[in-house]
C-alpha cells in the first residue's frame, strides 16, 4: 500500500520558559555517546548552531574511536558527565547515534539526571539517554543531530522546528489521517523513540514503559518484522500496555519482510494495537529519514487527538 503524509505546523509560544530552554548566546555541548564520528560532521553541526545564535563546545573525547564507538565507555561517560555538570553548558547535542549510548546507563543514575536537568538532543541510539531522562522527570528532544543539521544547513522545515523547540516555542503537529488509525483522544507523557533501543531497557530503572500514563511513539530502521513482533509481545507479556494511553507510529524503514502474511510493518503492528483499545496514529513523521523526523519533546505532557480527518499532537 502506497502511503503519504502531510504535516503542518502551528507554533505557540509558552507563557513561561523552563530553565531547560535556551536563549541566544547559550552554550551547547557536543558529545558522542554512541558510534565514532568525524570532524566534518561535528564542525558542520556547530556551524548551524552558531548561525542560530548559540555558542558550542566540543567534549574532550567526542572524536575518539574505539572498536567503532566514539571512545571507551569510560571516555564517553566522562564526556556526558562533564556536559551535565559544567555550569556554562545549557543543552547537549549528540553528534550522531549508531550504537553504544546504552553502555553509559550502567554508570548513570536518575538522581544525576534530576540534578542537572539539561535537554539532551538526539535520536536513534540516543533513545536510551532520552528514556533515562524521562524516567528522571527531565525533558529531552528526540530530534536531529549534527549530521542532519549540517547536511541541510539548518534551513529545512525539520531543522527549523528543532530550532524553535530549543527556545520553548513548541509546535502543534497536524498530520494527515491513515486508514489504520484508531480514533480517540489521550493525554500523557511523550516517551519512546527507537523501538529496539528502548525494548532493551526492559526492567531497568530507565525503562520508559514503567511510567504510567504515556503517549508512546515508536520508530525503527533495519529491524525485521518478526523482531518487532517480539517487542510488542514483550510489552504485552509484561502487562505494560496498561501504562500506555496512546501510540504514535512513526517511520519503519529498511526492514525485512518475513513470511508472516502481512502486507507491511504497519499491518503487523495493527494486529496488536487494534486490541489495546487506545488511540493510535500511523505514519507520523518521526524516524531515521531526516525530512520525516520532526522533533518531539520527550518527558513532556502532551495531548494526542486522532480524528477521521486529521491527527493533532500538541503540548
C-alpha atoms as a PDB file:
ATOM      1  CA  UNK A   1       0.000   0.000   0.000  1.00  0.00           C
ATOM      2  CA  UNK A   2       1.440   3.340  -1.025  1.00  0.00           C
ATOM      3  CA  UNK A   3       1.409   5.822   1.840  1.00  0.00           C
ATOM      4  CA  UNK A   4       1.939   9.530   2.045  1.00  0.00           C
ATOM      5  CA  UNK A   5       1.770  12.014   4.872  1.00  0.00           C
ATOM      6  CA  UNK A   6       1.120  15.679   5.217  1.00  0.00           C
ATOM      7  CA  UNK A   7       2.064  17.778   8.193  1.00  0.00           C
ATOM      8  CA  UNK A   8       1.572  21.407   9.029  1.00  0.00           C
ATOM      9  CA  UNK A   9       2.997  23.272  11.983  1.00  0.00           C
ATOM     10  CA  UNK A  10       1.157  25.734  14.178  1.00  0.00           C
ATOM     11  CA  UNK A  11       3.606  27.269  16.584  1.00  0.00           C
ATOM     12  CA  UNK A  12       2.571  28.505  20.006  1.00  0.00           C
ATOM     13  CA  UNK A  13       4.706  30.403  22.496  1.00  0.00           C
ATOM     14  CA  UNK A  14       4.824  29.079  26.024  1.00  0.00           C
ATOM     15  CA  UNK A  15       3.967  31.745  28.582  1.00  0.00           C
ATOM     16  CA  UNK A  16       6.839  30.805  30.876  1.00  0.00           C
ATOM     17  CA  UNK A  17      10.043  29.127  29.840  1.00  0.00           C
ATOM     18  CA  UNK A  18      11.560  26.325  31.852  1.00  0.00           C
ATOM     19  CA  UNK A  19      15.203  26.690  32.776  1.00  0.00           C
ATOM     20  CA  UNK A  20      15.845  23.859  30.333  1.00  0.00           C
ATOM     21  CA  UNK A  21      15.041  26.000  27.291  1.00  0.00           C
ATOM     22  CA  UNK A  22      17.675  28.122  25.593  1.00  0.00           C
ATOM     23  CA  UNK A  23      18.356  31.792  24.984  1.00  0.00           C
ATOM     24  CA  UNK A  24      20.579  33.468  22.413  1.00  0.00           C
ATOM     25  CA  UNK A  25      24.246  33.122  23.351  1.00  0.00           C
ATOM     26  CA  UNK A  26      23.736  29.991  25.475  1.00  0.00           C
ATOM     27  CA  UNK A  27      26.285  27.198  25.212  1.00  0.00           C
ATOM     28  CA  UNK A  28      25.521  23.791  23.700  1.00  0.00           C
ATOM     29  CA  UNK A  29      27.947  20.928  24.325  1.00  0.00           C
ATOM     30  CA  UNK A  30      28.594  18.430  21.540  1.00  0.00           C
ATOM     31  CA  UNK A  31      29.171  14.866  22.767  1.00  0.00           C
ATOM     32  CA  UNK A  32      29.492  11.489  21.047  1.00  0.00           C
ATOM     33  CA  UNK A  33      27.906   8.850  23.309  1.00  0.00           C
ATOM     34  CA  UNK A  34      27.474   6.259  20.571  1.00  0.00           C
ATOM     35  CA  UNK A  35      29.316   5.384  17.358  1.00  0.00           C
ATOM     36  CA  UNK A  36      32.507   7.079  16.207  1.00  0.00           C
ATOM     37  CA  UNK A  37      32.094  10.244  14.165  1.00  0.00           C
ATOM     38  CA  UNK A  38      34.334  12.720  12.324  1.00  0.00           C
ATOM     39  CA  UNK A  39      35.395  16.350  12.370  1.00  0.00           C
ATOM     40  CA  UNK A  40      33.296  17.267   9.327  1.00  0.00           C
ATOM     41  CA  UNK A  41      30.090  16.111  10.996  1.00  0.00           C
ATOM     42  CA  UNK A  42      30.746  17.920  14.262  1.00  0.00           C
ATOM     43  CA  UNK A  43      32.016  21.142  12.664  1.00  0.00           C
ATOM     44  CA  UNK A  44      29.060  21.197  10.283  1.00  0.00           C
ATOM     45  CA  UNK A  45      26.622  20.901  13.166  1.00  0.00           C
ATOM     46  CA  UNK A  46      28.429  23.648  15.048  1.00  0.00           C
ATOM     47  CA  UNK A  47      28.190  25.997  12.043  1.00  0.00           C
ATOM     48  CA  UNK A  48      24.417  25.644  12.021  1.00  0.00           C
ATOM     49  CA  UNK A  49      24.062  26.038  15.798  1.00  0.00           C
ATOM     50  CA  UNK A  50      26.265  29.125  15.744  1.00  0.00           C
ATOM     51  CA  UNK A  51      24.181  30.549  12.899  1.00  0.00           C
ATOM     52  CA  UNK A  52      21.183  30.068  15.209  1.00  0.00           C
ATOM     53  CA  UNK A  53      22.946  32.195  17.824  1.00  0.00           C
ATOM     54  CA  UNK A  54      24.477  29.611  20.159  1.00  0.00           C
ATOM     55  CA  UNK A  55      27.996  29.040  21.384  1.00  0.00           C
ATOM     56  CA  UNK A  56      29.290  25.464  21.075  1.00  0.00           C
ATOM     57  CA  UNK A  57      31.911  23.471  22.915  1.00  0.00           C
ATOM     58  CA  UNK A  58      33.103  20.014  21.916  1.00  0.00           C
ATOM     59  CA  UNK A  59      33.581  17.390  24.614  1.00  0.00           C
ATOM     60  CA  UNK A  60      37.200  16.225  25.075  1.00  0.00           C
ATOM     61  CA  UNK A  61      36.595  12.701  23.763  1.00  0.00           C
ATOM     62  CA  UNK A  62      33.958  13.417  21.096  1.00  0.00           C
ATOM     63  CA  UNK A  63      36.277  12.466  18.229  1.00  0.00           C
ATOM     64  CA  UNK A  64      37.780   9.359  19.797  1.00  0.00           C
ATOM     65  CA  UNK A  65      37.445   5.909  18.232  1.00  0.00           C
ATOM     66  CA  UNK A  66      37.429   2.570  20.000  1.00  0.00           C
ATOM     67  CA  UNK A  67      36.190  -0.542  18.197  1.00  0.00           C
ATOM     68  CA  UNK A  68      33.676   1.511  16.229  1.00  0.00           C
ATOM     69  CA  UNK A  69      32.484   3.500  19.253  1.00  0.00           C
ATOM     70  CA  UNK A  70      33.387   7.122  19.972  1.00  0.00           C
ATOM     71  CA  UNK A  71      35.849   6.086  22.651  1.00  0.00           C
ATOM     72  CA  UNK A  72      35.741   3.669  25.546  1.00  0.00           C
ATOM     73  CA  UNK A  73      32.715   3.547  27.843  1.00  0.00           C
ATOM     74  CA  UNK A  74      34.688   5.495  30.450  1.00  0.00           C
ATOM     75  CA  UNK A  75      35.575   8.202  27.920  1.00  0.00           C
ATOM     76  CA  UNK A  76      32.047   8.568  26.610  1.00  0.00           C
ATOM     77  CA  UNK A  77      30.544   8.610  30.099  1.00  0.00           C
ATOM     78  CA  UNK A  78      33.135  11.167  31.199  1.00  0.00           C
ATOM     79  CA  UNK A  79      32.010  13.486  28.397  1.00  0.00           C
ATOM     80  CA  UNK A  80      28.342  13.103  29.304  1.00  0.00           C
ATOM     81  CA  UNK A  81      29.027  13.779  32.972  1.00  0.00           C
ATOM     82  CA  UNK A  82      31.162  16.803  32.096  1.00  0.00           C
ATOM     83  CA  UNK A  83      28.407  18.235  29.889  1.00  0.00           C
ATOM     84  CA  UNK A  84      25.794  17.707  32.596  1.00  0.00           C
ATOM     85  CA  UNK A  85      27.894  19.218  35.386  1.00  0.00           C
ATOM     86  CA  UNK A  86      29.514  22.129  33.516  1.00  0.00           C
ATOM     87  CA  UNK A  87      27.546  25.240  34.590  1.00  0.00           C
ATOM     88  CA  UNK A  88      28.120  27.086  31.310  1.00  0.00           C
ATOM     89  CA  UNK A  89      26.549  24.285  29.250  1.00  0.00           C
ATOM     90  CA  UNK A  90      22.789  24.731  28.878  1.00  0.00           C
ATOM     91  CA  UNK A  91      21.969  21.860  26.470  1.00  0.00           C
ATOM     92  CA  UNK A  92      23.666  18.801  24.994  1.00  0.00           C
ATOM     93  CA  UNK A  93      23.567  17.761  21.339  1.00  0.00           C
ATOM     94  CA  UNK A  94      24.816  14.334  20.306  1.00  0.00           C
ATOM     95  CA  UNK A  95      26.982  14.257  17.198  1.00  0.00           C
ATOM     96  CA  UNK A  96      25.349  11.065  15.918  1.00  0.00           C
ATOM     97  CA  UNK A  97      23.626   7.865  17.013  1.00  0.00           C
ATOM     98  CA  UNK A  98      24.541   4.372  15.904  1.00  0.00           C
ATOM     99  CA  UNK A  99      25.339   2.126  18.845  1.00  0.00           C
ATOM    100  CA  UNK A 100      26.725   2.427  22.371  1.00  0.00           C
ATOM    101  CA  UNK A 101      24.717   5.072  24.242  1.00  0.00           C
ATOM    102  CA  UNK A 102      23.079   2.399  26.385  1.00  0.00           C
ATOM    103  CA  UNK A 103      26.562   1.473  27.685  1.00  0.00           C
ATOM    104  CA  UNK A 104      26.518   4.689  29.731  1.00  0.00           C
ATOM    105  CA  UNK A 105      23.383   3.862  31.687  1.00  0.00           C
ATOM    106  CA  UNK A 106      25.143   1.348  33.934  1.00  0.00           C
ATOM    107  CA  UNK A 107      27.202   4.296  35.254  1.00  0.00           C
ATOM    108  CA  UNK A 108      24.373   6.834  35.281  1.00  0.00           C
ATOM    109  CA  UNK A 109      21.790   7.439  37.986  1.00  0.00           C
ATOM    110  CA  UNK A 110      18.369   9.043  37.807  1.00  0.00           C
ATOM    111  CA  UNK A 111      19.448  11.337  40.633  1.00  0.00           C
ATOM    112  CA  UNK A 112      22.281  12.714  38.486  1.00  0.00           C
ATOM    113  CA  UNK A 113      19.878  13.467  35.638  1.00  0.00           C
ATOM    114  CA  UNK A 114      17.484  15.181  38.054  1.00  0.00           C
ATOM    115  CA  UNK A 115      20.319  17.261  39.498  1.00  0.00           C
ATOM    116  CA  UNK A 116      21.306  18.528  36.034  1.00  0.00           C
ATOM    117  CA  UNK A 117      18.070  18.871  34.005  1.00  0.00           C
ATOM    118  CA  UNK A 118      19.593  19.788  30.665  1.00  0.00           C
ATOM    119  CA  UNK A 119      17.967  18.827  27.386  1.00  0.00           C
ATOM    120  CA  UNK A 120      19.811  16.077  25.521  1.00  0.00           C
ATOM    121  CA  UNK A 121      19.166  16.250  21.769  1.00  0.00           C
ATOM    122  CA  UNK A 122      19.356  13.184  19.535  1.00  0.00           C
ATOM    123  CA  UNK A 123      17.567  10.111  18.231  1.00  0.00           C
ATOM    124  CA  UNK A 124      18.297   6.533  17.150  1.00  0.00           C
ATOM    125  CA  UNK A 125      20.624   5.032  19.787  1.00  0.00           C
ATOM    126  CA  UNK A 126      20.339   8.242  21.838  1.00  0.00           C
ATOM    127  CA  UNK A 127      16.825   6.983  22.643  1.00  0.00           C
ATOM    128  CA  UNK A 128      18.479   5.267  25.635  1.00  0.00           C
ATOM    129  CA  UNK A 129      19.504   8.605  27.154  1.00  0.00           C
ATOM    130  CA  UNK A 130      16.161  10.247  26.370  1.00  0.00           C
ATOM    131  CA  UNK A 131      14.305   7.400  28.086  1.00  0.00           C
ATOM    132  CA  UNK A 132      16.566   7.747  31.108  1.00  0.00           C
ATOM    133  CA  UNK A 133      15.789  11.460  31.268  1.00  0.00           C
ATOM    134  CA  UNK A 134      12.056  10.785  31.019  1.00  0.00           C
ATOM    135  CA  UNK A 135      12.268   8.338  33.945  1.00  0.00           C
ATOM    136  CA  UNK A 136      14.026  11.098  35.889  1.00  0.00           C
ATOM    137  CA  UNK A 137      11.283  13.582  35.023  1.00  0.00           C
ATOM    138  CA  UNK A 138      13.554  15.590  32.730  1.00  0.00           C
ATOM    139  CA  UNK A 139      12.708  16.782  29.222  1.00  0.00           C
ATOM    140  CA  UNK A 140      14.832  15.948  26.184  1.00  0.00           C
ATOM    141  CA  UNK A 141      14.452  16.330  22.433  1.00  0.00           C
ATOM    142  CA  UNK A 142      14.096  13.397  20.078  1.00  0.00           C
ATOM    143  CA  UNK A 143      15.430  15.198  17.023  1.00  0.00           C
ATOM    144  CA  UNK A 144      18.167  15.873  14.525  1.00  0.00           C
ATOM    145  CA  UNK A 145      21.839  15.761  15.448  1.00  0.00           C
ATOM    146  CA  UNK A 146      24.989  17.256  13.930  1.00  0.00           C
ATOM    147  CA  UNK A 147      24.916  15.178  10.748  1.00  0.00           C
ATOM    148  CA  UNK A 148      21.439  16.247   9.636  1.00  0.00           C
ATOM    149  CA  UNK A 149      21.625  19.919  10.560  1.00  0.00           C
ATOM    150  CA  UNK A 150      24.994  20.007   8.748  1.00  0.00           C
ATOM    151  CA  UNK A 151      23.624  18.312   5.625  1.00  0.00           C
ATOM    152  CA  UNK A 152      20.669  20.696   5.316  1.00  0.00           C
ATOM    153  CA  UNK A 153      22.496  23.685   6.849  1.00  0.00           C
ATOM    154  CA  UNK A 154      19.586  24.170   9.247  1.00  0.00           C
ATOM    155  CA  UNK A 155      17.293  25.659   6.592  1.00  0.00           C
ATOM    156  CA  UNK A 156      14.784  22.836   6.136  1.00  0.00           C
ATOM    157  CA  UNK A 157      11.410  22.613   7.897  1.00  0.00           C
ATOM    158  CA  UNK A 158      12.522  19.868  10.312  1.00  0.00           C
ATOM    159  CA  UNK A 159      15.653  21.764  11.406  1.00  0.00           C
ATOM    160  CA  UNK A 160      13.668  24.967  11.850  1.00  0.00           C
ATOM    161  CA  UNK A 161      11.166  23.121  14.058  1.00  0.00           C
ATOM    162  CA  UNK A 162      14.104  21.959  16.178  1.00  0.00           C
ATOM    163  CA  UNK A 163      15.469  25.495  16.310  1.00  0.00           C
ATOM    164  CA  UNK A 164      12.182  26.785  17.712  1.00  0.00           C
ATOM    165  CA  UNK A 165      11.763  23.900  20.138  1.00  0.00           C
ATOM    166  CA  UNK A 166      15.147  24.671  21.696  1.00  0.00           C
ATOM    167  CA  UNK A 167      13.737  28.006  22.845  1.00  0.00           C
ATOM    168  CA  UNK A 168      10.437  26.585  24.121  1.00  0.00           C
ATOM    169  CA  UNK A 169       8.447  27.587  21.027  1.00  0.00           C
ATOM    170  CA  UNK A 170       6.550  24.309  20.801  1.00  0.00           C
ATOM    171  CA  UNK A 171       4.657  23.141  17.713  1.00  0.00           C
ATOM    172  CA  UNK A 172       1.181  21.840  17.184  1.00  0.00           C
ATOM    173  CA  UNK A 173       1.559  18.976  14.730  1.00  0.00           C
ATOM    174  CA  UNK A 174      -1.270  18.263  12.306  1.00  0.00           C
ATOM    175  CA  UNK A 175      -0.888  15.038  10.344  1.00  0.00           C
ATOM    176  CA  UNK A 176      -2.994  13.549   7.564  1.00  0.00           C
ATOM    177  CA  UNK A 177      -5.188  10.563   8.529  1.00  0.00           C
ATOM    178  CA  UNK A 178      -4.171   6.969   7.830  1.00  0.00           C
ATOM    179  CA  UNK A 179      -6.523   4.045   7.102  1.00  0.00           C
ATOM    180  CA  UNK A 180      -5.299   2.095  10.135  1.00  0.00           C
ATOM    181  CA  UNK A 181      -5.652   4.960  12.619  1.00  0.00           C
ATOM    182  CA  UNK A 182      -7.731   4.282  15.715  1.00  0.00           C
ATOM    183  CA  UNK A 183      -9.683   7.368  16.712  1.00  0.00           C
ATOM    184  CA  UNK A 184      -9.718   8.856  20.162  1.00  0.00           C
ATOM    185  CA  UNK A 185      -8.142  11.458  22.435  1.00  0.00           C
ATOM    186  CA  UNK A 186      -5.486  10.888  25.093  1.00  0.00           C
ATOM    187  CA  UNK A 187      -3.186  12.851  27.349  1.00  0.00           C
ATOM    188  CA  UNK A 188       0.134  11.622  28.667  1.00  0.00           C
ATOM    189  CA  UNK A 189       3.896  11.948  28.849  1.00  0.00           C
ATOM    190  CA  UNK A 190       5.650  11.664  25.485  1.00  0.00           C
ATOM    191  CA  UNK A 191       8.209   8.838  25.593  1.00  0.00           C
ATOM    192  CA  UNK A 192       9.722   6.359  23.162  1.00  0.00           C
ATOM    193  CA  UNK A 193      11.868   6.547  20.079  1.00  0.00           C
ATOM    194  CA  UNK A 194      13.855   3.766  18.514  1.00  0.00           C
ATOM    195  CA  UNK A 195      11.902   0.656  19.416  1.00  0.00           C
ATOM    196  CA  UNK A 196      14.780  -1.831  19.568  1.00  0.00           C
ATOM    197  CA  UNK A 197      16.723   0.528  21.855  1.00  0.00           C
ATOM    198  CA  UNK A 198      14.030   1.138  24.466  1.00  0.00           C
ATOM    199  CA  UNK A 199      13.000  -2.527  24.325  1.00  0.00           C
ATOM    200  CA  UNK A 200      16.488  -3.410  25.584  1.00  0.00           C
ATOM    201  CA  UNK A 201      15.879  -1.246  28.661  1.00  0.00           C
ATOM    202  CA  UNK A 202      13.052  -3.529  29.829  1.00  0.00           C
ATOM    203  CA  UNK A 203      13.020  -3.996  33.594  1.00  0.00           C
ATOM    204  CA  UNK A 204      15.746  -1.427  34.280  1.00  0.00           C
ATOM    205  CA  UNK A 205      15.484   1.895  36.104  1.00  0.00           C
ATOM    206  CA  UNK A 206      15.457   3.537  32.669  1.00  0.00           C
ATOM    207  CA  UNK A 207      12.563   1.575  31.145  1.00  0.00           C
ATOM    208  CA  UNK A 208      10.158   4.235  29.770  1.00  0.00           C
ATOM    209  CA  UNK A 209       7.221   1.828  29.830  1.00  0.00           C
ATOM    210  CA  UNK A 210       7.332   1.853  33.617  1.00  0.00           C
ATOM    211  CA  UNK A 211       5.956   5.414  33.534  1.00  0.00           C
ATOM    212  CA  UNK A 212       2.204   5.207  33.961  1.00  0.00           C
ATOM    213  CA  UNK A 213       0.207   7.405  31.602  1.00  0.00           C
ATOM    214  CA  UNK A 214       2.368   7.722  28.497  1.00  0.00           C
ATOM    215  CA  UNK A 215       1.926   8.537  24.846  1.00  0.00           C
ATOM    216  CA  UNK A 216       4.374   6.068  23.308  1.00  0.00           C
ATOM    217  CA  UNK A 217       5.987   6.864  19.970  1.00  0.00           C
ATOM    218  CA  UNK A 218       7.822   4.144  18.062  1.00  0.00           C
ATOM    219  CA  UNK A 219      10.085   4.023  15.018  1.00  0.00           C
ATOM    220  CA  UNK A 220      12.932   1.836  13.798  1.00  0.00           C
ATOM    221  CA  UNK A 221      15.227   1.046  10.908  1.00  0.00           C
ATOM    222  CA  UNK A 222      16.612  -2.234   9.678  1.00  0.00           C
ATOM    223  CA  UNK A 223      14.713  -4.377  12.195  1.00  0.00           C
ATOM    224  CA  UNK A 224      12.879  -7.427  10.855  1.00  0.00           C
ATOM    225  CA  UNK A 225       9.115  -7.665  11.132  1.00  0.00           C
ATOM    226  CA  UNK A 226       9.386 -10.748  13.334  1.00  0.00           C
ATOM    227  CA  UNK A 227      11.670  -8.937  15.779  1.00  0.00           C
ATOM    228  CA  UNK A 228       9.249  -6.027  16.086  1.00  0.00           C
ATOM    229  CA  UNK A 229       6.530  -8.606  16.676  1.00  0.00           C
ATOM    230  CA  UNK A 230       8.525  -9.961  19.623  1.00  0.00           C
ATOM    231  CA  UNK A 231       8.975  -6.437  21.013  1.00  0.00           C
ATOM    232  CA  UNK A 232       5.228  -5.887  21.021  1.00  0.00           C
ATOM    233  CA  UNK A 233       4.690  -9.267  22.640  1.00  0.00           C
ATOM    234  CA  UNK A 234       7.237  -8.301  25.308  1.00  0.00           C
ATOM    235  CA  UNK A 235       5.135  -5.237  26.175  1.00  0.00           C
ATOM    236  CA  UNK A 236       2.006  -7.347  26.452  1.00  0.00           C
ATOM    237  CA  UNK A 237       3.504 -10.212  28.441  1.00  0.00           C
ATOM    238  CA  UNK A 238       4.847  -7.701  30.976  1.00  0.00           C
ATOM    239  CA  UNK A 239       1.374  -6.211  31.242  1.00  0.00           C
ATOM    240  CA  UNK A 240       2.655  -2.735  30.493  1.00  0.00           C
ATOM    241  CA  UNK A 241       0.215  -1.812  27.746  1.00  0.00           C
ATOM    242  CA  UNK A 242      -1.973  -0.606  30.630  1.00  0.00           C
ATOM    243  CA  UNK A 243       0.537   2.252  31.108  1.00  0.00           C
ATOM    244  CA  UNK A 244       0.071   3.424  27.519  1.00  0.00           C
ATOM    245  CA  UNK A 245      -2.658   5.968  26.778  1.00  0.00           C
ATOM    246  CA  UNK A 246      -1.956   6.264  23.032  1.00  0.00           C
ATOM    247  CA  UNK A 247       0.579   5.154  20.417  1.00  0.00           C
ATOM    248  CA  UNK A 248       2.239   7.242  17.717  1.00  0.00           C
ATOM    249  CA  UNK A 249       3.638   5.006  14.979  1.00  0.00           C
ATOM    250  CA  UNK A 250       6.477   6.676  13.119  1.00  0.00           C
ATOM    251  CA  UNK A 251       8.579   5.548  10.182  1.00  0.00           C
ATOM    252  CA  UNK A 252       9.817   1.954   9.906  1.00  0.00           C
ATOM    253  CA  UNK A 253      12.264   1.556   7.042  1.00  0.00           C
ATOM    254  CA  UNK A 254      14.828  -0.892   5.647  1.00  0.00           C
ATOM    255  CA  UNK A 255      13.095  -3.819   7.348  1.00  0.00           C
ATOM    256  CA  UNK A 256      12.848  -7.399   6.130  1.00  0.00           C
ATOM    257  CA  UNK A 257       9.525  -8.953   5.094  1.00  0.00           C
ATOM    258  CA  UNK A 258       9.388 -12.478   6.521  1.00  0.00           C
ATOM    259  CA  UNK A 259       6.628 -14.852   5.528  1.00  0.00           C
ATOM    260  CA  UNK A 260       4.174 -13.644   8.196  1.00  0.00           C
ATOM    261  CA  UNK A 261       1.289 -12.928   5.843  1.00  0.00           C
ATOM    262  CA  UNK A 262       1.265  -9.154   6.453  1.00  0.00           C
ATOM    263  CA  UNK A 263       1.439  -6.588   3.688  1.00  0.00           C
ATOM    264  CA  UNK A 264       3.841  -4.372   5.581  1.00  0.00           C
ATOM    265  CA  UNK A 265       5.047  -3.362   9.049  1.00  0.00           C
ATOM    266  CA  UNK A 266       2.010  -1.202   9.787  1.00  0.00           C
ATOM    267  CA  UNK A 267      -0.334  -4.118   9.118  1.00  0.00           C
ATOM    268  CA  UNK A 268       1.649  -6.267  11.547  1.00  0.00           C
ATOM    269  CA  UNK A 269       1.636  -3.526  14.201  1.00  0.00           C
ATOM    270  CA  UNK A 270      -2.091  -3.136  13.786  1.00  0.00           C
ATOM    271  CA  UNK A 271      -2.562  -6.818  14.629  1.00  0.00           C
ATOM    272  CA  UNK A 272      -1.535  -5.892  18.182  1.00  0.00           C
ATOM    273  CA  UNK A 273      -2.533  -2.255  18.562  1.00  0.00           C
ATOM    274  CA  UNK A 274      -6.148  -2.673  17.490  1.00  0.00           C
ATOM    275  CA  UNK A 275      -6.693  -4.750  20.638  1.00  0.00           C
ATOM    276  CA  UNK A 276      -5.215  -2.208  23.034  1.00  0.00           C
ATOM    277  CA  UNK A 277      -8.351  -0.020  22.813  1.00  0.00           C
ATOM    278  CA  UNK A 278      -6.441   3.260  22.774  1.00  0.00           C
ATOM    279  CA  UNK A 279      -5.910   5.952  20.119  1.00  0.00           C
ATOM    280  CA  UNK A 280      -3.281   5.052  17.517  1.00  0.00           C
ATOM    281  CA  UNK A 281      -1.764   7.303  14.853  1.00  0.00           C
ATOM    282  CA  UNK A 282       0.155   5.776  11.922  1.00  0.00           C
ATOM    283  CA  UNK A 283       2.677   7.360   9.570  1.00  0.00           C
ATOM    284  CA  UNK A 284       3.715  10.176  11.901  1.00  0.00           C
ATOM    285  CA  UNK A 285       6.822  11.948  10.562  1.00  0.00           C
ATOM    286  CA  UNK A 286       9.362  10.754  13.118  1.00  0.00           C
ATOM    287  CA  UNK A 287      12.138   8.302  12.286  1.00  0.00           C
ATOM    288  CA  UNK A 288      15.510   7.812  10.652  1.00  0.00           C
ATOM    289  CA  UNK A 289      14.873   9.839   7.475  1.00  0.00           C
ATOM    290  CA  UNK A 290      15.670  13.443   8.379  1.00  0.00           C
ATOM    291  CA  UNK A 291      12.849  15.088   6.424  1.00  0.00           C
ATOM    292  CA  UNK A 292      10.431  12.747   8.201  1.00  0.00           C
ATOM    293  CA  UNK A 293      11.936  13.253  11.651  1.00  0.00           C
ATOM    294  CA  UNK A 294      10.208  16.230  13.239  1.00  0.00           C
ATOM    295  CA  UNK A 295      11.368  16.892  16.820  1.00  0.00           C
ATOM    296  CA  UNK A 296       9.391  15.578  19.793  1.00  0.00           C
ATOM    297  CA  UNK A 297       9.824  16.885  23.323  1.00  0.00           C
ATOM    298  CA  UNK A 298      10.265  13.735  25.405  1.00  0.00           C
ATOM    299  CA  UNK A 299       9.277  13.665  29.064  1.00  0.00           C
ATOM    300  CA  UNK A 300       6.709  16.401  28.403  1.00  0.00           C
ATOM    301  CA  UNK A 301       2.942  16.248  28.816  1.00  0.00           C
ATOM    302  CA  UNK A 302       1.028  16.264  25.543  1.00  0.00           C
ATOM    303  CA  UNK A 303      -2.392  15.610  24.050  1.00  0.00           C
ATOM    304  CA  UNK A 304      -2.995  13.404  21.008  1.00  0.00           C
ATOM    305  CA  UNK A 305      -6.268  13.681  19.112  1.00  0.00           C
ATOM    306  CA  UNK A 306      -6.842  11.086  16.387  1.00  0.00           C
ATOM    307  CA  UNK A 307      -9.850  12.092  14.311  1.00  0.00           C
ATOM    308  CA  UNK A 308     -11.240  10.906  10.996  1.00  0.00           C
ATOM    309  CA  UNK A 309      -9.910  13.899   9.079  1.00  0.00           C
ATOM    310  CA  UNK A 310      -6.602  14.588  10.831  1.00  0.00           C
ATOM    311  CA  UNK A 311      -4.306  13.852  13.784  1.00  0.00           C
ATOM    312  CA  UNK A 312      -3.317  16.645  16.160  1.00  0.00           C
ATOM    313  CA  UNK A 313      -0.473  16.483  18.683  1.00  0.00           C
ATOM    314  CA  UNK A 314       0.065  19.425  20.992  1.00  0.00           C
ATOM    315  CA  UNK A 315       1.889  20.136  24.252  1.00  0.00           C
END
